[in-house]
């Protein structure tokens, strides 16, 4: 397959890098430190200040995420990056503290609750269509519009638009934190402990504190007011309790989890949609097939929760976008005790990385690994379980996966049924990861009504 038939991708490194080179590369694009051989081998090991291993073998990944989970907690680097902004929320917590939060939050994302939120997703899709139509015959940055669309959803889902919470301000604060403090530090690569100050995080401390104060006030106001009408995410979390201990989340725990859901719950879906639209513009035959499916089901209305099961090809497009451009494109763990992965020794303290971007493009696992082929998901049983991890797996699989997929299919089907998207010459997005895999430069597409 020629380069012209391959969508944009990250050029992986072919030569070993020292500490300084690794730091510079990681601060520009975390994926650029992945060696190219990671797409051809089951495991790659090295040393950059400390020992590390990259694992692409599904059996070894299963061992890390399921069978020997407690030996591979989230890495010190991950916690150092995120704890100042989202505390010990569900995303970061370990052991008993993670388990009770997970038990408390799980009912919030039940199938029934997620289905009840579908009308909010459909309304946000309609507003996106209105904005695109109003822009007229010119290019639109669909990445920016998808962030706005999914933020509309999470704002309504989280706080029912009750005006007690400035969600936009909170999102701007977290985004600024990720842009500066979230960039990997030389101290992180060298394995310095968390109490050693990181300059970037010190500079953003005031904004983070203000953001948490705003969220705390919103939680307390709702606690006093109580739920009204259909319960939103905050109502459900306030009412939630650990089924074993009956413990409920305090204000700080509620706030940290809400901030996590607000950012993770809209940016990852926005990225999935932006990359899906880029890929549909890249391959017009795929887009045509998707449009036929969407129009046959929707006629001239927006998609609903009930429609999702009848839009299998559009779901395949989202799945393939998540394979080629997984929002969480790299996860790292710190080994707590000696272990063996792929017949190779892993020592206590080693950093063990699952480079999901490389796993999803590994030639041992995927035919034409860099090609855009949604039909590879027509038979999901043919895909090895731990070869495809857009939402992680094991007990720590993303709690909002069904929410994100329903939202992606509803919005994508609605847009494709109304518009034909074509690429803008010379404006291809650049896949860059700091904490999530974003299309740097935007996804600029011409959108013409059909």
Protein backbone atom coordinates (compact mmCIF):
# COMPACT_ATOMS: atom_id res chain seq x y z
CA UNK A 1 0.00 0.00 0.00
CA UNK A 2 1.45 3.38 -1.00
CA UNK A 3 1.98 6.31 1.36
CA UNK A 4 -0.87 8.13 -0.40
CA UNK A 5 -3.26 5.46 0.87
CA UNK A 6 -2.09 5.68 4.49
CA UNK A 7 -3.66 8.30 6.78
CA UNK A 8 -1.43 10.55 8.88
CA UNK A 9 0.70 8.80 11.46
CA UNK A 10 3.59 9.45 13.86
CA UNK A 11 7.09 8.71 12.53
CA UNK A 12 8.57 6.39 15.17
CA UNK A 13 12.27 6.47 16.10
CA UNK A 14 14.80 4.15 14.50
CA UNK A 15 17.85 4.99 16.67
CA UNK A 16 18.31 4.86 20.47
CA UNK A 17 17.95 8.21 22.28
CA UNK A 18 19.73 9.45 25.40
CA UNK A 19 18.04 11.12 28.37
CA UNK A 20 18.19 14.66 26.96
CA UNK A 21 16.98 13.59 23.50
CA UNK A 22 14.17 11.58 25.09
CA UNK A 23 13.10 14.54 27.20
CA UNK A 24 13.04 16.93 24.24
CA UNK A 25 11.12 14.43 22.10
CA UNK A 26 8.63 13.60 24.88
CA UNK A 27 7.83 17.25 25.50
CA UNK A 28 7.03 17.74 21.80
CA UNK A 29 5.16 14.48 21.28
CA UNK A 30 5.20 11.60 23.76
CA UNK A 31 4.64 9.08 20.95
CA UNK A 32 7.88 10.09 19.26
CA UNK A 33 9.89 8.17 21.90
CA UNK A 34 8.36 4.85 20.74
CA UNK A 35 10.91 2.81 18.76
CA UNK A 36 9.71 1.69 15.32
CA UNK A 37 10.53 -1.93 16.22
CA UNK A 38 7.65 -1.78 18.74
CA UNK A 39 5.33 -2.28 15.75
CA UNK A 40 7.15 -5.47 14.77
CA UNK A 41 8.01 -7.17 18.08
CA UNK A 42 6.09 -8.34 21.16
CA UNK A 43 8.34 -6.52 23.67
CA UNK A 44 11.13 -3.92 23.63
CA UNK A 45 13.35 -3.02 26.62
CA UNK A 46 15.89 -0.30 27.31
CA UNK A 47 17.24 2.21 29.81
CA UNK A 48 16.73 5.98 29.85
CA UNK A 49 17.84 6.95 33.34
CA UNK A 50 15.98 3.87 34.61
CA UNK A 51 14.98 0.52 33.10
CA UNK A 52 11.86 0.43 30.95
CA UNK A 53 9.93 -2.11 28.90
CA UNK A 54 7.34 -1.61 26.16
CA UNK A 55 4.87 -4.51 25.91
CA UNK A 56 2.84 -5.27 22.76
CA UNK A 57 2.11 -8.95 23.40
CA UNK A 58 -1.59 -9.55 24.24
CA UNK A 59 -0.79 -12.38 26.66
CA UNK A 60 1.70 -10.27 28.61
CA UNK A 61 -0.72 -7.32 28.61
CA UNK A 62 -3.43 -9.60 30.02
CA UNK A 63 -0.97 -10.57 32.76
CA UNK A 64 -0.40 -6.88 33.61
CA UNK A 65 -3.99 -5.64 33.45
CA UNK A 66 -5.84 -8.69 34.80
CA UNK A 67 -3.92 -11.64 36.19
CA UNK A 68 -1.22 -9.75 38.12
CA UNK A 69 -2.94 -6.37 38.36
CA UNK A 70 -1.67 -5.42 41.82
CA UNK A 71 1.94 -5.71 40.67
CA UNK A 72 1.41 -3.02 38.02
CA UNK A 73 -0.21 0.09 39.52
CA UNK A 74 -0.24 3.29 37.50
CA UNK A 75 3.27 4.63 37.18
CA UNK A 76 4.73 7.29 39.43
CA UNK A 77 5.07 9.51 36.32
CA UNK A 78 1.33 9.29 35.56
CA UNK A 79 0.39 10.11 39.15
CA UNK A 80 2.90 12.98 39.32
CA UNK A 81 1.36 14.51 36.19
CA UNK A 82 -2.30 14.24 37.17
CA UNK A 83 -2.65 14.28 40.95
CA UNK A 84 -2.32 18.09 41.33
CA UNK A 85 -5.35 18.57 39.09
CA UNK A 86 -7.64 15.60 39.87
CA UNK A 87 -6.40 14.34 43.25
CA UNK A 88 -6.87 10.67 44.16
CA UNK A 89 -9.93 10.25 41.95
CA UNK A 90 -10.99 7.02 40.28
CA UNK A 91 -8.43 7.57 37.51
CA UNK A 92 -5.42 7.65 39.85
CA UNK A 93 -6.41 5.84 43.06
CA UNK A 94 -5.11 2.35 43.81
CA UNK A 95 -6.10 -0.63 45.95
CA UNK A 96 -8.97 -0.32 48.41
CA UNK A 97 -9.42 3.41 47.79
CA UNK A 98 -9.88 2.76 44.04
CA UNK A 99 -12.17 -0.24 44.61
CA UNK A 100 -14.69 1.58 46.81
CA UNK A 101 -14.84 4.57 44.42
CA UNK A 102 -15.37 2.21 41.48
CA UNK A 103 -18.18 0.36 43.28
CA UNK A 104 -19.83 3.67 44.14
CA UNK A 105 -19.59 5.18 40.64
CA UNK A 106 -20.35 2.06 38.55
CA UNK A 107 -24.19 2.34 38.76
CA UNK A 108 -23.95 5.90 37.41
CA UNK A 109 -22.82 4.43 34.07
CA UNK A 110 -25.39 1.63 33.89
CA UNK A 111 -26.94 0.90 30.48
CA UNK A 112 -30.24 2.46 31.57
CA UNK A 113 -28.63 5.69 32.76
CA UNK A 114 -26.50 5.97 29.62
CA UNK A 115 -29.58 5.40 27.41
CA UNK A 116 -31.44 8.12 29.31
CA UNK A 117 -28.71 10.60 28.29
CA UNK A 118 -29.06 9.94 24.53
CA UNK A 119 -31.45 12.88 23.90
CA UNK A 120 -28.81 15.30 25.26
CA UNK A 121 -26.30 13.84 22.78
CA UNK A 122 -28.79 14.18 19.90
CA UNK A 123 -29.50 17.84 20.78
CA UNK A 124 -25.76 18.61 20.83
CA UNK A 125 -25.41 16.94 17.40
CA UNK A 126 -28.20 19.16 16.05
CA UNK A 127 -26.45 22.29 17.34
CA UNK A 128 -23.25 21.15 15.62
CA UNK A 129 -25.14 20.72 12.33
CA UNK A 130 -26.57 24.23 12.72
CA UNK A 131 -23.09 25.71 13.26
CA UNK A 132 -21.64 23.89 10.25
CA UNK A 133 -24.53 24.98 8.01
CA UNK A 134 -24.20 28.58 9.22
CA UNK A 135 -20.50 28.61 8.35
CA UNK A 136 -21.43 28.32 4.67
CA UNK A 137 -19.15 27.02 1.92
CA UNK A 138 -15.84 27.26 3.74
CA UNK A 139 -13.53 24.99 5.73
CA UNK A 140 -14.48 24.23 9.33
CA UNK A 141 -12.13 23.02 12.08
CA UNK A 142 -14.10 19.92 13.03
CA UNK A 143 -11.75 19.15 15.92
CA UNK A 144 -12.70 22.43 17.58
CA UNK A 145 -16.38 21.91 16.85
CA UNK A 146 -16.33 18.38 18.28
CA UNK A 147 -14.76 19.67 21.51
CA UNK A 148 -17.59 22.19 21.75
CA UNK A 149 -20.20 19.55 20.93
CA UNK A 150 -19.04 16.99 23.46
CA UNK A 151 -18.54 19.70 26.09
CA UNK A 152 -22.19 20.68 25.57
CA UNK A 153 -23.06 17.06 26.37
CA UNK A 154 -20.89 16.68 29.47
CA UNK A 155 -22.00 20.06 30.87
CA UNK A 156 -25.66 19.09 30.59
CA UNK A 157 -25.04 15.54 31.78
CA UNK A 158 -23.00 16.66 34.77
CA UNK A 159 -24.84 19.72 36.04
CA UNK A 160 -28.13 19.88 34.11
CA UNK A 161 -27.12 23.39 33.00
CA UNK A 162 -28.32 24.73 36.38
CA UNK A 163 -25.96 27.72 36.29
CA UNK A 164 -24.20 26.93 39.59
CA UNK A 165 -21.01 25.80 37.90
CA UNK A 166 -18.81 27.57 35.36
CA UNK A 167 -17.86 24.46 33.42
CA UNK A 168 -16.10 26.38 30.66
CA UNK A 169 -13.78 28.05 33.18
CA UNK A 170 -13.00 24.71 34.79
CA UNK A 171 -12.23 23.15 31.42
CA UNK A 172 -9.95 26.03 30.46
CA UNK A 173 -8.07 25.64 33.76
CA UNK A 174 -7.54 21.91 33.32
CA UNK A 175 -6.55 22.37 29.68
CA UNK A 176 -3.98 24.99 30.70
CA UNK A 177 -2.69 22.64 33.39
CA UNK A 178 -2.22 19.80 30.90
CA UNK A 179 -0.57 22.09 28.35
CA UNK A 180 2.10 23.24 30.80
CA UNK A 181 2.37 21.12 33.94
CA UNK A 182 1.28 17.95 32.16
CA UNK A 183 4.31 17.93 29.90
CA UNK A 184 6.73 15.30 31.06
CA UNK A 185 9.60 16.63 33.19
CA UNK A 186 13.22 15.53 33.21
CA UNK A 187 12.59 14.76 36.90
CA UNK A 188 9.87 12.30 35.82
CA UNK A 189 12.15 10.49 33.36
CA UNK A 190 14.86 10.20 36.02
CA UNK A 191 12.33 8.83 38.52
CA UNK A 192 12.58 11.66 41.09
CA UNK A 193 9.99 11.37 43.90
CA UNK A 194 6.76 13.38 43.86
CA UNK A 195 7.89 15.77 46.62
CA UNK A 196 10.62 17.23 44.36
CA UNK A 197 8.91 20.38 42.92
CA UNK A 198 8.25 20.49 39.17
CA UNK A 199 8.53 24.10 37.92
CA UNK A 200 5.59 23.86 35.48
CA UNK A 201 3.26 22.52 38.13
CA UNK A 202 4.32 25.21 40.58
CA UNK A 203 3.38 27.88 38.03
CA UNK A 204 -0.14 26.48 37.55
CA UNK A 205 -0.88 25.85 41.23
CA UNK A 206 -2.99 28.99 41.76
CA UNK A 207 -5.28 28.31 38.78
CA UNK A 208 -5.72 24.70 39.91
CA UNK A 209 -6.66 25.78 43.44
CA UNK A 210 -9.24 28.26 42.11
CA UNK A 211 -10.72 25.58 39.84
CA UNK A 212 -11.12 23.18 42.76
CA UNK A 213 -12.74 25.87 44.88
CA UNK A 214 -15.33 26.58 42.17
CA UNK A 215 -16.10 22.85 41.90
CA UNK A 216 -16.34 22.44 45.69
CA UNK A 217 -18.86 25.29 45.88
CA UNK A 218 -20.97 23.72 43.13
CA UNK A 219 -21.00 20.34 44.92
CA UNK A 220 -22.04 21.92 48.23
CA UNK A 221 -24.76 24.00 46.55
CA UNK A 222 -26.23 20.86 44.98
CA UNK A 223 -25.98 18.94 48.24
CA UNK A 224 -28.13 21.63 49.89
CA UNK A 225 -30.55 22.04 46.96
CA UNK A 226 -31.07 18.36 46.22
CA UNK A 227 -32.00 16.73 42.90
CA UNK A 228 -34.70 18.12 40.62
CA UNK A 229 -36.23 16.23 37.69
CA UNK A 230 -34.14 13.59 35.90
CA UNK A 231 -31.00 13.06 38.01
CA UNK A 232 -27.74 14.22 36.42
CA UNK A 233 -24.25 12.86 37.01
CA UNK A 234 -23.71 14.94 40.14
CA UNK A 235 -27.05 13.85 41.60
CA UNK A 236 -26.21 10.20 40.94
CA UNK A 237 -22.76 10.52 42.51
CA UNK A 238 -24.16 12.34 45.55
CA UNK A 239 -26.70 9.56 46.02
CA UNK A 240 -24.20 6.79 45.33
CA UNK A 241 -22.80 4.60 48.07
CA UNK A 242 -20.43 1.67 48.27
CA UNK A 243 -22.75 -1.39 48.23
CA UNK A 244 -20.47 -3.15 50.72
CA UNK A 245 -19.66 -0.41 53.26
CA UNK A 246 -22.48 2.11 52.51
CA UNK A 247 -19.80 4.84 52.47
CA UNK A 248 -20.51 7.91 50.34
CA UNK A 249 -18.06 10.28 48.65
CA UNK A 250 -17.12 13.44 50.55
CA UNK A 251 -16.94 16.83 48.81
CA UNK A 252 -13.26 16.51 47.82
CA UNK A 253 -13.80 13.01 46.37
CA UNK A 254 -16.90 14.15 44.47
CA UNK A 255 -15.04 17.16 43.11
CA UNK A 256 -11.99 15.20 41.97
CA UNK A 257 -14.14 12.61 40.21
CA UNK A 258 -16.35 15.26 38.59
CA UNK A 259 -13.30 17.10 37.26
CA UNK A 260 -12.01 13.78 35.91
CA UNK A 261 -15.34 12.97 34.21
CA UNK A 262 -15.69 16.49 32.76
CA UNK A 263 -12.34 16.37 31.00
CA UNK A 264 -12.08 12.65 30.22
CA UNK A 265 -15.78 12.47 29.42
CA UNK A 266 -15.70 14.97 26.63
CA UNK A 267 -12.17 15.33 25.25
CA UNK A 268 -11.67 11.64 24.49
CA UNK A 269 -15.00 11.46 22.64
CA UNK A 270 -14.26 14.72 20.83
CA UNK A 271 -10.95 13.27 19.67
CA UNK A 272 -12.63 10.06 18.49
CA UNK A 273 -15.12 12.11 16.47
CA UNK A 274 -12.49 14.47 15.04
CA UNK A 275 -10.28 11.59 13.88
CA UNK A 276 -13.34 9.70 12.55
CA UNK A 277 -14.34 12.70 10.42
CA UNK A 278 -10.76 13.13 9.19
CA UNK A 279 -10.71 9.45 8.15
CA UNK A 280 -14.11 9.71 6.41
CA UNK A 281 -12.83 12.70 4.44
CA UNK A 282 -9.64 10.76 3.68
CA UNK A 283 -11.62 7.81 2.25
CA UNK A 284 -14.72 8.97 0.38
CA UNK A 285 -15.88 5.40 -0.33
CA UNK A 286 -16.08 4.71 3.39
CA UNK A 287 -17.91 7.99 3.90
CA UNK A 288 -20.41 7.18 1.15
CA UNK A 289 -21.18 3.78 2.69
CA UNK A 290 -21.63 5.36 6.12
CA UNK A 291 -23.94 8.03 4.73
CA UNK A 292 -26.17 5.45 3.05
CA UNK A 293 -26.46 3.60 6.36
CA UNK A 294 -27.16 6.78 8.35
CA UNK A 295 -29.75 8.13 5.93
CA UNK A 296 -31.57 4.79 5.67
CA UNK A 297 -31.97 4.69 9.47
CA UNK A 298 -32.41 8.39 10.29
CA UNK A 299 -34.20 9.79 7.22
CA UNK A 300 -34.06 13.50 8.11
CA UNK A 301 -33.77 13.41 11.92
CA UNK A 302 -30.87 13.17 14.36
CA UNK A 303 -29.81 9.79 15.74
CA UNK A 304 -31.25 8.42 18.97
CA UNK A 305 -30.03 5.91 21.52
CA UNK A 306 -32.26 3.26 19.96
CA UNK A 307 -30.64 3.85 16.55
CA UNK A 308 -27.13 2.95 17.70
CA UNK A 309 -27.65 -0.80 17.31
CA UNK A 310 -28.81 -0.21 13.71
CA UNK A 311 -25.69 1.74 12.71
CA UNK A 312 -23.04 -0.99 12.74
CA UNK A 313 -20.78 0.46 10.02
CA UNK A 314 -20.65 3.86 11.71
CA UNK A 315 -19.67 2.07 14.92
CA UNK A 316 -16.89 0.32 12.92
CA UNK A 317 -15.57 3.72 11.77
CA UNK A 318 -15.39 4.89 15.38
CA UNK A 319 -13.69 1.63 16.39
CA UNK A 320 -11.10 1.97 13.62
CA UNK A 321 -10.47 5.62 14.52
CA UNK A 322 -9.87 4.47 18.10
CA UNK A 323 -7.42 1.87 16.78
CA UNK A 324 -5.41 4.30 14.64
CA UNK A 325 -5.61 7.26 17.03
CA UNK A 326 -6.37 6.01 20.56
CA UNK A 327 -6.94 9.07 22.81
CA UNK A 328 -4.99 7.43 25.65
CA UNK A 329 -2.22 6.25 23.33
CA UNK A 330 0.26 5.18 26.00
CA UNK A 331 -0.17 3.89 29.55
CA UNK A 332 2.63 3.22 31.99
CA UNK A 333 2.93 1.13 35.13
CA UNK A 334 5.60 0.70 37.80
CA UNK A 335 6.43 -2.94 38.67
CA UNK A 336 6.16 -3.55 42.42
CA UNK A 337 7.93 -6.93 42.43
CA UNK A 338 10.08 -8.99 40.09
CA UNK A 339 8.10 -10.66 37.30
CA UNK A 340 8.54 -12.25 33.88
CA UNK A 341 6.87 -10.91 30.73
CA UNK A 342 7.41 -12.54 27.32
CA UNK A 343 10.17 -14.62 28.92
CA UNK A 344 12.04 -11.45 29.93
CA UNK A 345 12.92 -10.39 33.49
CA UNK A 346 11.08 -7.36 34.87
CA UNK A 347 12.53 -6.01 38.12
CA UNK A 348 10.76 -4.20 40.94
CA UNK A 349 10.83 -0.47 40.16
CA UNK A 350 11.01 -0.90 36.37
CA UNK A 351 8.68 1.24 34.27
CA UNK A 352 6.48 -1.01 32.12
CA UNK A 353 4.73 0.77 29.26
CA UNK A 354 1.85 -0.38 27.07
CA UNK A 355 2.25 1.87 24.01
CA UNK A 356 -1.32 1.44 22.77
CA UNK A 357 -0.49 3.43 19.62
CA UNK A 358 2.17 0.82 18.71
CA UNK A 359 0.03 -2.12 19.91
CA UNK A 360 -2.78 -1.03 17.57
CA UNK A 361 -0.31 -0.84 14.67
CA UNK A 362 1.71 -3.96 15.49
CA UNK A 363 2.26 -6.00 12.33
CA UNK A 364 2.14 -9.27 14.29
CA UNK A 365 -1.46 -8.49 15.27
CA UNK A 366 -2.98 -6.41 12.46
CA UNK A 367 -3.01 -6.86 8.67
CA UNK A 368 -2.14 -3.61 6.84
CA UNK A 369 -1.68 -2.13 10.30
CA UNK A 370 -1.38 1.52 9.21
CA UNK A 371 -4.32 1.37 6.77
CA UNK A 372 -7.84 2.67 7.46
CA UNK A 373 -10.12 -0.36 7.19
CA UNK A 374 -13.29 -0.12 9.31
CA UNK A 375 -14.52 -3.50 8.07
CA UNK A 376 -11.84 -5.23 10.18
CA UNK A 377 -14.31 -4.71 13.06
CA UNK A 378 -17.19 -6.46 11.26
CA UNK A 379 -16.41 -9.60 13.29
CA UNK A 380 -15.26 -8.37 16.68
CA UNK A 381 -14.71 -11.93 17.90
CA UNK A 382 -11.87 -12.26 15.40
CA UNK A 383 -9.90 -9.51 17.18
CA UNK A 384 -7.68 -10.72 20.00
CA UNK A 385 -8.96 -9.31 23.29
CA UNK A 386 -5.77 -7.62 24.49
CA UNK A 387 -4.66 -6.47 21.02
CA UNK A 388 -7.21 -3.64 21.03
CA UNK A 389 -7.34 -1.42 24.11
CA UNK A 390 -8.83 2.01 23.38
CA UNK A 391 -10.45 1.97 26.83
CA UNK A 392 -7.90 -0.19 28.64
CA UNK A 393 -9.09 -3.52 30.05
CA UNK A 394 -9.32 -5.62 33.18
CA UNK A 395 -10.93 -4.23 36.34
CA UNK A 396 -9.70 -0.73 35.46
CA UNK A 397 -11.36 -0.61 32.03
CA UNK A 398 -12.75 2.89 31.36
CA UNK A 399 -15.96 3.28 33.34
CA UNK A 400 -17.45 5.56 30.67
CA UNK A 401 -16.74 3.42 27.59
CA UNK A 402 -20.41 2.73 26.73
CA UNK A 403 -21.25 6.42 27.27
CA UNK A 404 -18.46 7.49 24.88
CA UNK A 405 -19.34 5.00 22.14
CA UNK A 406 -23.05 5.83 22.22
CA UNK A 407 -22.22 9.54 22.00
CA UNK A 408 -19.75 9.02 19.15
CA UNK A 409 -22.19 6.99 17.03
CA UNK A 410 -25.11 9.40 17.61
CA UNK A 411 -23.08 12.48 16.66
CA UNK A 412 -21.16 10.87 13.76
CA UNK A 413 -24.31 9.39 12.16
CA UNK A 414 -26.16 12.70 12.45
CA UNK A 415 -23.32 14.67 10.83
CA UNK A 416 -22.66 12.17 8.02
CA UNK A 417 -26.35 12.01 7.12
CA UNK A 418 -26.39 15.81 6.54
CA UNK A 419 -22.94 16.72 5.12
CA UNK A 420 -20.21 15.49 2.80
CA UNK A 421 -16.80 16.18 4.30
CA UNK A 422 -13.76 16.66 2.06
CA UNK A 423 -10.15 17.41 3.06
CA UNK A 424 -8.52 20.82 2.73
CA UNK A 425 -5.30 20.58 0.75
CA UNK A 426 -2.18 21.16 2.82
CA UNK A 427 -4.08 21.10 6.15
CA UNK A 428 -3.60 17.51 7.31
CA UNK A 429 -3.72 17.14 11.10
CA UNK A 430 -0.55 16.16 12.96
CA UNK A 431 -1.05 13.41 15.60
CA UNK A 432 0.60 14.74 18.79
CA UNK A 433 0.30 13.29 22.29
CA UNK A 434 0.95 15.10 25.55
CA UNK A 435 -1.65 13.36 27.73
CA UNK A 436 -4.09 12.60 24.91
CA UNK A 437 -3.56 12.06 21.17
CA UNK A 438 -4.73 15.29 19.58
CA UNK A 439 -4.84 16.42 15.91
CA UNK A 440 -2.45 19.35 16.18
CA UNK A 441 -3.38 22.09 13.73
CA UNK A 442 -7.03 21.00 13.81
CA UNK A 443 -9.12 18.88 11.45
CA UNK A 444 -10.00 21.33 8.68
CA UNK A 445 -12.68 19.96 6.38
CA UNK A 446 -14.99 21.38 3.74
CA UNK A 447 -18.57 20.49 4.73
CA UNK A 448 -21.20 20.52 1.95
CA UNK A 449 -24.89 19.77 2.58
CA UNK A 450 -26.20 16.60 0.91
